[in-house]
Structure formats: structure tokens, C-alpha cells
Amino acid sequence: MTSCNSNQYLKETQLTNDLSYHHDLDNNDNFSPDDQWLVYDTRTDDGGIAASAKIEKVHTQTGEKKVLYALPNNAAWGPGAGAVSYAHTEASVVFIHGLVSVTAANPYQQWRRTGIIIKDQAPNVPIYMDARDVTPPFTAGALRGGTHRHEWSGDGNWIGYTYNDAILKALEDKTQQKHNLRTIGVSKRGHSVTVSKTTNGEDVSSEWFSAVVVQVTPTPQAGSDEISHAAGDSWVGLNGYLKPDGQRQIARAFVGKVKDKNGKDVDEVFVVDIPDDITRAGELGPLEGTDTMMPMPPKGTSQRRLTHTADTAFPGCTGVVRSSGDGSLLAFLAKDDKGVQQIFTLSPLGGTPTQLTFHPSNVEGYFRWHPDGQHLCYVWNGSIVLVKLGNESFESRMRILTPPTTPSPSNLVWSHDGKKIAFNRALKKPQVEQENKQVFIVHLDKL
């Protein structure tokens, strides 16, 4: 692999052409299992996901568009539908859905939303993924707030996401002390949860069982591994990672906010091992939480810190922590010894991170693993770039796939067969200020 000149740029195909609205891939898993469709939301710049009234898909060859889900009376304050991902093994999508009880005075919020599944063969027939119960006594298997950026596991039996809690948001408003902390949860197929109360659409029953799996605290101890915020999460491998004893462990990698020894916030990479059975409460407290406590992780959950950048010259990690398909390596963004943001890799078992890229200026992000686990694509200097793992020189491992543009491409995603990269470009009509994201695709005949 060699770096390419302008004559070697890949041909871009524009799949969507309606410049009147966004077609936002949102850095998710947007390809259908057969790679024939790409799914996206229709959020607005001003209203965000709350103002997204539709989930659509576009055919990767013909450009045909179909609506998978529509909210006919959606308003600027919601309910909203967005941040959509396809499953890997079935023609189903999952996305954020605001509560049906939204009003202008009580709108869509991080802690007022849920996850909805739609099957391709049954558009507009919602399946509620995570139950919601905000009326005491709370229910094990149900959450009390809002889930976000849902991601299917490789086998389709789990969905992971970030989470904010409405009960603790209300406590924060009452006490003026920090309680509304972002953390990470998972839902598992095959165990429905019934919530009997009906409080004007605030409580929801579901087809899946849900649990918070990462412990957060508003007051982490300085110099400890305690965290106040967890996000940037994804599954470790399509079906977990291989432990030293030869067993596969399902887990999510994420970025957790710790306090360094001086009490300053630093973002570090963590991993949380998740038990197969998430219905049993752990020693930290009840799965359903209390009036003053977040829902607690299931028995057998274990979170571990993997990076220790707090004492380096350029502390902190960022981006979504992404795993290779086999679960052997995690990728994340951090600064090198020159203070330039690069991609690093690290085993989920820990160890010393390996610097993968060596650009003279910051990697912009949106990095994604090729299905072969040996290549990543990402955005740098306004271009989509491909890099290969290995010990050869960076120049020989790196290839620039598209010409530099402003604004940069965004929201990269590989097809399952590894032959296509889909992404967003923001375009606008002549003499119109508003830019709207369109879906593009490039084909790679060989790596």
C-alpha cells in the first residue's frame, strides 16, 4: 500500500440528492446485512434529533429511497426519531425515539427517550427495546431515563448504548448538586419487561431486558479509577474478546472521565465485562436503582481502566473507542509526544498503546475498522484515509482515498463485505446558506 496522488483518488458516488434536508449517518452501523441499503435520520441543525420526523434508507446501487418509520405530527420539540443503526444479522434497525408525551413545555431530552426497533418488512411498526419506569416502585429490567446511540452486537442478541437518568436529573434540579451523569447500558433479547403504570406516556413496557453496566459517581476520588462520565462506547469485537483462559467475553469499551492526582478531569479508555445473565443484581445495589441512586450494574459486571495518560505531557483520550471484529484490538484517539491527535491501538486485556498514525496535524476522527481487522479508514486533512496495521513505514501503510475538501467528509462506515465506504458530505444549493448532509459511497476493489 502506498500513498496516492490526485490521479489515484477513488470515484465518489452520491446516493442522495435532496438538498432540502439532512441524510445523517451519525457515525453508526448503517449498512443492511446484505449491503444493499444504507439507513439514516433526517434531523435538523436547529432541532437536532427532536426535529427528525423520519427514518429512511437508500439503495446503494439505484439510489431508491424508502421510509422505514415516520412521525406524521412531529414538532420541533419532538418526539423525534434518529441515530439509527442496522443489525448485522437481520434486516432490522434500532434508533432513538422521543417519548410520545412530549410537549413544548416538556420536550425531547437526553433523559426522555427510548430505543425503538423496526423490521424492514414491517415499516412503522415499533418494537420497544428498553422499558422505562419513572414511577416508584421502579422495575428491574426497566430504565428511568433515556438511551442513545444504540449499537447491535454481532449476533443480534444485545444492544448497547449511552444512558441518562430522569430520576437523578430531577434530583439534580431539586438539590442543585450534580447527579445527572452519562453512563452506559445494555439490553438483551428474549426477556420482555412489563411496566404496568401509565403516566401520560412516561412509562413504557419493552421486548428486551435492560441494565446499566458502568458505575459512575459525581465525585471521583483524585488519582483513582472512579469515573463521573462514560461515553464513546462500542462493543469489543462482534462477539466479545478472547480471555487468557480461552473463553470469549462480551464487553463494551468506552471513554471514562477520571480525576488526576491534582483533581483535574482526564478522559481514559476503559472496558466493562458484561455477564451473560444481566437479570441478577450485584453488590452495588438494585438493578432498578432508587430515588437517589442510579440503576446499578448486574452481578458479575467488571469495569477496568486500560490507559493511564493522566501523568503524560498530553493527557486524555477521545473519540468512540472502536474494536476490530475479532475483539483483539481497540482503537482510540490520543495525542502523540508532539501534541498531535493520532489513532492508537490497544488490547482489551491492557498493555502499552501502539501509535498507528503519524500525521503532521490532527486526525479528525470517524475511524472505522475494515472487516479484515488489518485496516482502518478515518478522516484527516479533509480526506478519507486508509491505513494498514504493521511495522512498515507509515507512508507505505497509508493511502489517501479522496481529495481534501471543506467541509470534511464525516460519519464513515464500512460495508460488511469490506468493498465500500459510505459517508456524509454537507452540500448546499447555490445562493443558499444552509448545508445539508448527503450520503456518498466509494468502492474499493482492493486494499
Protein backbone atom coordinates (compact mmCIF):
# COMPACT_ATOMS: atom_id res chain seq x y z
CA MET A 1 0.00 0.00 0.00
CA THR A 2 1.36 3.39 -0.94
CA SER A 3 0.14 6.93 -0.51
CA CYS A 4 -1.74 8.14 -3.55
CA ASN A 5 -1.70 11.24 -5.69
CA SER A 6 -4.71 13.02 -7.17
CA ASN A 7 -4.89 10.55 -10.07
CA GLN A 8 -5.48 7.71 -7.63
CA TYR A 9 -8.43 9.18 -5.74
CA LEU A 10 -11.46 6.91 -5.66
CA LYS A 11 -14.59 7.81 -7.58
CA GLU A 12 -17.35 9.07 -5.28
CA THR A 13 -20.98 8.19 -5.94
CA GLN A 14 -23.65 10.48 -4.49
CA LEU A 15 -26.62 8.37 -3.37
CA THR A 16 -28.96 11.07 -2.02
CA ASN A 17 -29.66 14.33 -3.85
CA ASP A 18 -32.42 16.15 -1.98
CA LEU A 19 -30.59 19.21 -0.66
CA SER A 20 -33.59 20.34 1.41
CA TYR A 21 -32.84 18.06 4.39
CA HIS A 22 -30.14 16.07 6.17
CA HIS A 23 -29.48 12.38 5.47
CA ASP A 24 -27.42 11.82 8.63
CA LEU A 25 -25.49 8.56 9.05
CA ASP A 26 -24.44 9.72 12.55
CA ASN A 27 -21.29 7.54 12.67
CA ASN A 28 -23.35 4.37 13.19
CA ASP A 29 -23.69 0.90 11.58
CA ASN A 30 -25.71 1.98 8.57
CA PHE A 31 -25.33 -0.86 6.05
CA SER A 32 -28.04 -3.51 5.90
CA PRO A 33 -26.79 -7.09 6.39
CA ASP A 34 -26.80 -7.65 2.60
CA ASP A 35 -25.06 -4.28 1.95
CA GLN A 36 -27.92 -3.22 -0.33
CA TRP A 37 -29.26 -0.37 1.82
CA LEU A 38 -27.97 2.48 3.97
CA VAL A 39 -30.14 3.83 6.78
CA TYR A 40 -30.09 7.41 8.14
CA ASP A 41 -32.13 10.02 10.01
CA THR A 42 -33.45 13.41 8.93
CA ARG A 43 -32.50 15.65 11.86
CA THR A 44 -32.23 19.41 11.51
CA ASP A 45 -29.44 21.76 12.57
CA ASP A 46 -31.71 23.76 14.86
CA GLY A 47 -33.87 20.97 16.26
CA GLY A 48 -31.45 18.04 16.16
CA ILE A 49 -32.91 14.57 16.61
CA ALA A 50 -36.08 16.00 18.18
CA ALA A 51 -36.95 17.51 14.81
CA SER A 52 -36.19 14.33 12.82
CA ALA A 53 -39.59 13.05 11.73
CA LYS A 54 -38.37 10.13 9.58
CA ILE A 55 -36.01 7.18 9.41
CA GLU A 56 -35.16 6.46 5.77
CA LYS A 57 -32.97 4.10 3.77
CA VAL A 58 -31.36 4.48 0.35
CA HIS A 59 -30.37 1.69 -2.04
CA THR A 60 -26.61 1.52 -2.56
CA GLN A 61 -26.89 0.85 -6.29
CA THR A 62 -30.06 2.53 -7.53
CA GLY A 63 -30.43 5.46 -5.11
CA GLU A 64 -34.05 4.46 -4.42
CA LYS A 65 -35.26 5.82 -1.07
CA LYS A 66 -37.78 4.23 1.29
CA VAL A 67 -39.25 5.40 4.59
CA LEU A 68 -38.89 2.89 7.42
CA TYR A 69 -40.55 4.99 10.09
CA ALA A 70 -42.38 8.32 10.10
CA LEU A 71 -43.84 10.59 12.77
CA PRO A 72 -46.67 12.42 10.95
CA ASN A 73 -47.19 15.07 13.63
CA ASN A 74 -43.62 15.60 14.79
CA ALA A 75 -42.87 19.07 16.16
CA ALA A 76 -39.67 20.98 16.79
CA TRP A 77 -39.67 19.67 20.37
CA GLY A 78 -40.22 16.04 19.36
CA PRO A 79 -40.89 13.22 19.79
CA GLY A 80 -38.16 12.80 17.14
CA ALA A 81 -36.52 9.68 15.68
CA GLY A 82 -32.82 9.43 14.92
CA ALA A 83 -29.33 7.97 15.33
CA VAL A 84 -30.23 4.73 13.55
CA SER A 85 -28.21 1.51 13.11
CA TYR A 86 -28.81 -1.75 11.24
CA ALA A 87 -28.36 -5.13 12.89
CA HIS A 88 -25.55 -7.28 11.48
CA THR A 89 -27.59 -10.46 11.05
CA GLU A 90 -31.17 -9.39 10.36
CA ALA A 91 -32.96 -6.67 8.40
CA SER A 92 -33.88 -4.64 11.48
CA VAL A 93 -32.85 -1.19 12.67
CA VAL A 94 -32.75 0.44 16.09
CA PHE A 95 -32.93 4.16 16.80
CA ILE A 96 -33.71 6.84 19.37
CA HIS A 97 -37.37 7.71 19.81
CA GLY A 98 -38.52 10.58 22.00
CA LEU A 99 -41.40 9.97 24.39
CA VAL A 100 -44.87 10.28 22.90
CA SER A 101 -45.80 12.56 25.82
CA VAL A 102 -43.52 15.41 24.68
CA THR A 103 -44.83 18.95 24.64
CA ALA A 104 -43.28 22.34 24.04
CA ALA A 105 -43.00 22.72 27.82
CA ASN A 106 -41.67 19.17 28.35
CA PRO A 107 -39.70 18.39 25.17
CA TYR A 108 -37.37 15.68 23.94
CA GLN A 109 -34.35 15.43 26.25
CA GLN A 110 -31.41 13.11 26.85
CA TRP A 111 -33.33 11.61 29.78
CA ARG A 112 -36.68 11.47 27.93
CA ARG A 113 -36.23 8.97 25.10
CA THR A 114 -36.12 5.25 24.38
CA GLY A 115 -34.90 2.75 21.79
CA ILE A 116 -37.23 1.57 19.01
CA ILE A 117 -36.64 -1.41 16.69
CA ILE A 118 -38.20 -1.53 13.23
CA LYS A 119 -38.07 -4.57 10.93
CA ASP A 120 -37.61 -3.81 7.24
CA GLN A 121 -40.59 -5.97 6.33
CA ALA A 122 -42.81 -4.10 8.80
CA PRO A 123 -42.22 -0.34 8.46
CA ASN A 124 -43.86 1.92 11.05
CA VAL A 125 -44.48 -0.99 13.46
CA PRO A 126 -42.39 -0.05 16.51
CA ILE A 127 -40.88 -2.62 18.87
CA TYR A 128 -39.84 -1.04 22.17
CA MET A 129 -36.34 -2.19 23.10
CA ASP A 130 -35.83 -0.68 26.57
CA ALA A 131 -38.59 -0.39 29.12
CA ARG A 132 -38.95 2.89 31.03
CA ASP A 133 -40.36 3.22 34.54
CA VAL A 134 -40.17 6.60 36.28
CA THR A 135 -42.91 5.90 38.82
CA PRO A 136 -41.83 4.29 42.14
CA PRO A 137 -41.53 1.46 42.90
CA PHE A 138 -39.17 1.03 39.96
CA THR A 139 -38.88 -2.16 37.89
CA ALA A 140 -35.82 -4.38 37.38
CA GLY A 141 -35.09 -4.62 33.66
CA ALA A 142 -36.53 -1.17 33.02
CA LEU A 143 -34.58 2.09 32.96
CA ARG A 144 -35.70 5.52 34.17
CA GLY A 145 -34.42 7.98 31.58
CA GLY A 146 -33.20 7.86 28.02
CA THR A 147 -30.98 5.70 25.81
CA HIS A 148 -28.84 6.93 22.92
CA ARG A 149 -26.55 5.79 20.07
CA HIS A 150 -27.74 2.20 20.05
CA GLU A 151 -25.44 -0.49 18.64
CA TRP A 152 -26.21 -4.15 17.92
CA SER A 153 -23.83 -6.93 18.92
CA GLY A 154 -22.59 -9.23 16.17
CA ASP A 155 -25.11 -11.97 16.96
CA GLY A 156 -28.01 -9.51 17.30
CA ASN A 157 -28.87 -10.59 20.86
CA TRP A 158 -27.56 -7.45 22.59
CA ILE A 159 -27.85 -3.71 22.03
CA GLY A 160 -25.52 -1.28 23.82
CA TYR A 161 -25.98 2.46 24.32
CA THR A 162 -25.30 5.50 26.48
CA TYR A 163 -27.82 6.45 29.15
CA ASN A 164 -29.05 9.44 31.17
CA ASP A 165 -31.39 9.11 34.16
CA ALA A 166 -34.55 11.21 34.59
CA ILE A 167 -34.91 10.47 38.30
CA LEU A 168 -31.42 11.77 39.05
CA LYS A 169 -31.95 14.73 36.72
CA ALA A 170 -34.95 15.70 38.86
CA LEU A 171 -32.82 15.22 41.99
CA GLU A 172 -30.15 17.46 40.47
CA ASP A 173 -32.73 20.16 39.75
CA LYS A 174 -34.01 19.91 43.31
CA THR A 175 -30.66 19.90 45.13
CA GLN A 176 -28.55 21.92 42.67
CA GLN A 177 -25.90 19.23 43.06
CA LYS A 178 -24.55 17.09 40.21
CA HIS A 179 -26.42 13.81 39.77
CA ASN A 180 -27.31 13.68 36.04
CA LEU A 181 -24.31 11.63 34.86
CA ARG A 182 -23.99 9.91 31.50
CA THR A 183 -23.23 6.22 31.69
CA ILE A 184 -23.58 3.02 29.62
CA GLY A 185 -26.26 0.37 29.46
CA VAL A 186 -27.16 -2.75 27.51
CA SER A 187 -30.36 -4.55 26.57
CA LYS A 188 -30.67 -8.29 25.92
CA ARG A 189 -33.17 -10.00 23.67
CA GLY A 190 -35.55 -12.66 24.94
CA HIS A 191 -36.73 -11.26 28.27
CA SER A 192 -39.62 -8.81 28.00
CA VAL A 193 -40.35 -6.30 30.76
CA THR A 194 -43.86 -5.17 31.67
CA VAL A 195 -44.38 -1.78 33.28
CA SER A 196 -47.98 -1.54 34.48
CA LYS A 197 -48.15 2.17 35.28
CA THR A 198 -49.28 4.70 32.74
CA THR A 199 -48.26 8.27 33.46
CA ASN A 200 -49.19 10.12 30.31
CA GLY A 201 -46.79 8.16 28.13
CA GLU A 202 -43.82 8.41 30.52
CA ASP A 203 -43.71 4.67 31.34
CA VAL A 204 -43.07 2.09 28.61
CA SER A 205 -43.00 -1.73 28.51
CA SER A 206 -40.46 -3.50 26.29
CA GLU A 207 -39.43 -6.66 24.46
CA TRP A 208 -35.85 -6.63 25.86
CA PHE A 209 -34.33 -6.59 29.38
CA SER A 210 -32.12 -3.58 30.15
CA ALA A 211 -29.42 -2.79 32.69
CA VAL A 212 -26.84 -0.11 33.41
CA VAL A 213 -23.39 -1.73 33.29
CA VAL A 214 -20.96 1.09 34.19
CA GLN A 215 -20.78 2.70 37.62
CA VAL A 216 -20.34 6.47 37.70
CA THR A 217 -20.07 8.92 40.59
CA PRO A 218 -20.38 12.73 40.72
CA THR A 219 -17.30 12.89 42.98
CA PRO A 220 -14.50 10.61 41.71
CA GLN A 221 -11.55 10.37 44.07
CA ALA A 222 -8.46 12.14 42.71
CA GLY A 223 -5.93 9.69 41.31
CA SER A 224 -8.38 6.79 41.35
CA ASP A 225 -10.14 4.82 38.58
CA GLU A 226 -13.56 6.17 39.59
CA ILE A 227 -15.37 7.98 36.76
CA SER A 228 -18.01 10.70 36.51
CA HIS A 229 -18.92 10.23 32.84
CA ALA A 230 -18.91 7.29 30.41
CA ALA A 231 -19.48 7.57 26.66
CA GLY A 232 -17.74 6.92 23.33
CA ASP A 233 -18.66 3.26 23.75
CA SER A 234 -18.85 0.30 21.38
CA TRP A 235 -18.83 -3.48 21.50
CA VAL A 236 -15.48 -5.23 21.91
CA GLY A 237 -15.46 -7.49 18.85
CA LEU A 238 -18.53 -8.65 17.01
CA ASN A 239 -18.88 -11.36 19.66
CA GLY A 240 -16.58 -10.34 22.50
CA TYR A 241 -12.85 -10.82 23.04
CA LEU A 242 -10.70 -13.83 23.88
CA LYS A 243 -9.60 -14.00 27.51
CA PRO A 244 -6.33 -15.67 28.58
CA ASP A 245 -8.29 -18.77 29.65
CA GLY A 246 -9.61 -19.19 26.10
CA GLN A 247 -13.16 -18.09 26.89
CA ARG A 248 -14.95 -15.36 24.97
CA GLN A 249 -16.12 -12.39 27.00
CA ILE A 250 -18.78 -9.95 25.85
CA ALA A 251 -17.75 -6.39 26.73
CA ARG A 252 -18.04 -2.73 25.83
CA ALA A 253 -15.11 -0.36 25.52
CA PHE A 254 -15.62 3.29 26.36
CA VAL A 255 -14.07 6.59 27.43
CA GLY A 256 -14.41 7.32 31.14
CA LYS A 257 -13.72 10.64 32.86
CA VAL A 258 -11.38 10.29 35.87
CA LYS A 259 -9.70 12.83 38.15
CA ASP A 260 -5.92 13.01 38.03
CA LYS A 261 -3.91 13.34 41.25
CA ASN A 262 -4.46 17.10 41.14
CA GLY A 263 -8.21 16.77 40.71
CA LYS A 264 -8.30 17.68 37.02
CA ASP A 265 -10.63 15.81 34.64
CA VAL A 266 -8.94 13.38 32.24
CA ASP A 267 -10.61 11.06 29.73
CA GLU A 268 -9.23 7.50 29.68
CA VAL A 269 -10.09 4.25 27.88
CA PHE A 270 -11.98 1.62 29.88
CA VAL A 271 -13.59 -1.74 29.19
CA VAL A 272 -16.52 -3.31 31.02
CA ASP A 273 -17.01 -7.08 31.02
CA ILE A 274 -20.71 -8.00 30.95
CA PRO A 275 -22.16 -11.24 32.35
CA ASP A 276 -24.38 -13.37 30.15
CA ASP A 277 -27.15 -13.06 32.75
CA ILE A 278 -27.95 -9.41 33.45
CA THR A 279 -31.08 -10.12 35.50
CA ARG A 280 -29.28 -10.63 38.82
CA ALA A 281 -28.48 -7.63 41.00
CA GLY A 282 -24.86 -7.04 42.01
CA GLU A 283 -23.39 -5.96 45.32
CA LEU A 284 -23.56 -2.24 44.48
CA GLY A 285 -27.34 -2.03 44.64
CA PRO A 286 -30.60 -2.80 42.85
CA LEU A 287 -30.76 -3.08 39.06
CA GLU A 288 -33.67 -0.63 39.05
CA GLY A 289 -31.99 2.00 41.23
CA THR A 290 -33.64 4.10 43.92
CA ASP A 291 -34.95 7.64 44.33
CA THR A 292 -31.39 8.84 44.98
CA MET A 293 -29.22 6.24 43.22
CA MET A 294 -28.59 5.26 39.62
CA PRO A 295 -29.59 1.75 38.48
CA MET A 296 -26.64 -0.44 39.45
CA PRO A 297 -24.71 -2.98 37.30
CA PRO A 298 -25.68 -6.67 37.31
CA LYS A 299 -23.81 -9.31 39.30
CA GLY A 300 -20.57 -10.24 37.53
CA THR A 301 -20.05 -6.89 35.77
CA SER A 302 -16.44 -5.66 35.92
CA GLN A 303 -15.02 -2.37 34.59
CA ARG A 304 -11.29 -1.85 34.07
CA ARG A 305 -9.15 1.13 33.15
CA LEU A 306 -6.86 0.47 30.18
CA THR A 307 -4.99 3.76 29.62
CA HIS A 308 -3.08 5.98 32.05
CA THR A 309 -2.39 9.20 30.17
CA ALA A 310 -3.09 11.47 33.15
CA ASP A 311 0.59 11.88 34.02
CA THR A 312 1.83 12.36 30.44
CA ALA A 313 2.60 15.64 28.71
CA PHE A 314 -0.63 15.45 26.70
CA PRO A 315 -3.25 13.64 28.80
CA GLY A 316 -6.59 12.37 27.59
CA CYS A 317 -8.24 10.04 25.06
CA THR A 318 -11.21 10.82 22.84
CA GLY A 319 -13.48 9.57 20.10
CA VAL A 320 -15.60 6.44 20.03
CA VAL A 321 -13.45 3.51 21.15
CA ARG A 322 -13.75 1.07 18.23
CA SER A 323 -12.83 -2.62 18.24
CA SER A 324 -11.60 -4.89 15.48
CA GLY A 325 -14.12 -7.57 14.58
CA ASP A 326 -12.26 -10.33 16.40
CA GLY A 327 -12.01 -8.23 19.56
CA SER A 328 -8.22 -8.34 19.73
CA LEU A 329 -7.59 -4.60 19.35
CA LEU A 330 -9.25 -1.34 20.34
CA ALA A 331 -8.66 1.94 18.50
CA PHE A 332 -8.99 5.42 20.01
CA LEU A 333 -7.71 8.98 19.59
CA ALA A 334 -4.99 10.49 21.75
CA LYS A 335 -2.14 12.96 21.36
CA ASP A 336 1.35 11.79 20.45
CA ASP A 337 4.54 13.13 22.05
CA LYS A 338 4.31 16.17 19.75
CA GLY A 339 0.79 17.02 20.87
CA VAL A 340 -0.81 15.88 17.59
CA GLN A 341 -4.02 13.84 17.74
CA GLN A 342 -3.40 10.37 16.29
CA ILE A 343 -5.01 6.93 16.27
CA PHE A 344 -3.67 4.44 18.81
CA THR A 345 -4.47 0.76 19.28
CA LEU A 346 -4.56 -1.31 22.45
CA SER A 347 -5.54 -4.81 23.53
CA PRO A 348 -8.71 -5.07 25.63
CA LEU A 349 -6.51 -7.02 28.07
CA GLY A 350 -4.42 -3.88 28.63
CA GLY A 351 -0.76 -3.14 27.96
CA THR A 352 1.03 -0.31 26.20
CA PRO A 353 -0.87 1.51 23.42
CA THR A 354 0.62 1.41 19.91
CA GLN A 355 0.63 4.56 17.78
CA LEU A 356 -0.91 3.73 14.41
CA THR A 357 -0.88 7.07 12.55
CA PHE A 358 1.89 9.66 12.29
CA HIS A 359 0.32 12.68 10.61
CA PRO A 360 1.78 16.20 10.99
CA SER A 361 -1.66 17.52 12.01
CA ASN A 362 -4.61 16.16 13.94
CA VAL A 363 -6.57 13.14 12.78
CA GLU A 364 -10.12 14.48 12.55
CA GLY A 365 -11.79 11.24 13.57
CA TYR A 366 -14.57 8.96 12.28
CA PHE A 367 -12.16 6.00 12.25
CA ARG A 368 -13.64 2.58 11.48
CA TRP A 369 -12.15 -0.91 11.27
CA HIS A 370 -12.25 -2.83 8.00
CA PRO A 371 -13.87 -6.28 8.45
CA ASP A 372 -10.44 -7.92 7.98
CA GLY A 373 -9.19 -6.33 11.21
CA GLN A 374 -6.00 -5.17 9.47
CA HIS A 375 -7.08 -1.78 8.09
CA LEU A 376 -8.87 1.33 9.32
CA CYS A 377 -10.35 4.28 7.47
CA TYR A 378 -10.62 7.75 9.01
CA VAL A 379 -10.68 11.46 8.15
CA TRP A 380 -7.55 13.58 8.09
CA ASN A 381 -6.93 16.94 6.40
CA GLY A 382 -10.35 16.86 4.75
CA SER A 383 -9.74 13.46 3.14
CA ILE A 384 -10.76 9.88 3.80
CA VAL A 385 -7.60 7.91 4.53
CA LEU A 386 -6.90 4.17 4.71
CA VAL A 387 -4.15 2.77 6.93
CA LYS A 388 -2.87 -0.76 7.43
CA LEU A 389 -1.56 -2.26 10.66
CA GLY A 390 2.10 -3.25 10.59
CA ASN A 391 5.69 -2.31 11.29
CA GLU A 392 6.46 -0.80 7.89
CA SER A 393 6.85 2.96 7.46
CA PHE A 394 3.66 4.96 7.91
CA GLU A 395 3.94 6.30 4.36
CA SER A 396 3.90 2.80 2.92
CA ARG A 397 0.93 1.77 5.07
CA MET A 398 -1.22 4.84 4.38
CA ARG A 399 -3.37 5.68 1.35
CA ILE A 400 -5.43 8.86 0.79
CA LEU A 401 -8.70 7.80 -0.83
CA THR A 402 -10.50 11.10 -1.51
CA PRO A 403 -9.33 14.66 -2.26
CA PRO A 404 -9.26 17.16 0.62
CA THR A 405 -12.49 19.14 0.94
CA THR A 406 -14.05 21.75 3.19
CA PRO A 407 -16.16 20.77 4.98
CA SER A 408 -14.59 17.37 5.53
CA PRO A 409 -16.43 14.12 4.90
CA SER A 410 -17.90 12.58 8.05
CA ASN A 411 -19.65 9.54 9.53
CA LEU A 412 -17.65 6.83 7.78
CA VAL A 413 -18.93 3.24 7.76
CA TRP A 414 -17.67 0.06 6.05
CA SER A 415 -19.93 -2.34 4.21
CA HIS A 416 -19.98 -5.88 5.58
CA ASP A 417 -18.07 -7.19 2.55
CA GLY A 418 -15.36 -4.56 3.07
CA LYS A 419 -15.64 -3.24 -0.50
CA LYS A 420 -17.43 0.06 0.17
CA ILE A 421 -17.18 3.03 2.49
CA ALA A 422 -20.28 5.16 2.95
CA PHE A 423 -20.04 8.68 4.39
CA ASN A 424 -21.70 12.07 4.62
CA ARG A 425 -20.83 15.23 2.74
CA ALA A 426 -22.53 18.54 3.54
CA LEU A 427 -23.79 20.23 0.37
CA LYS A 428 -25.95 23.27 -0.31
CA LYS A 429 -27.90 24.81 -3.13
CA PRO A 430 -26.42 27.87 -4.87
CA GLN A 431 -27.17 31.11 -3.03
CA VAL A 432 -28.43 29.14 -0.01
CA GLU A 433 -26.54 29.22 3.28
CA GLN A 434 -27.97 26.02 4.73
CA GLU A 435 -25.81 22.92 4.19
CA ASN A 436 -27.47 19.50 4.36
CA LYS A 437 -25.71 16.14 4.66
CA GLN A 438 -25.94 13.79 1.70
CA VAL A 439 -24.94 10.14 1.54
CA PHE A 440 -21.93 9.23 -0.62
CA ILE A 441 -20.13 5.97 -1.27
CA VAL A 442 -16.74 4.91 -2.60
CA HIS A 443 -15.85 1.42 -3.87
CA LEU A 444 -12.54 -0.29 -3.08
CA ASP A 445 -11.70 -3.10 -5.47
CA LYS A 446 -8.66 -3.96 -3.39
CA LEU A 447 -6.97 -2.71 -0.26
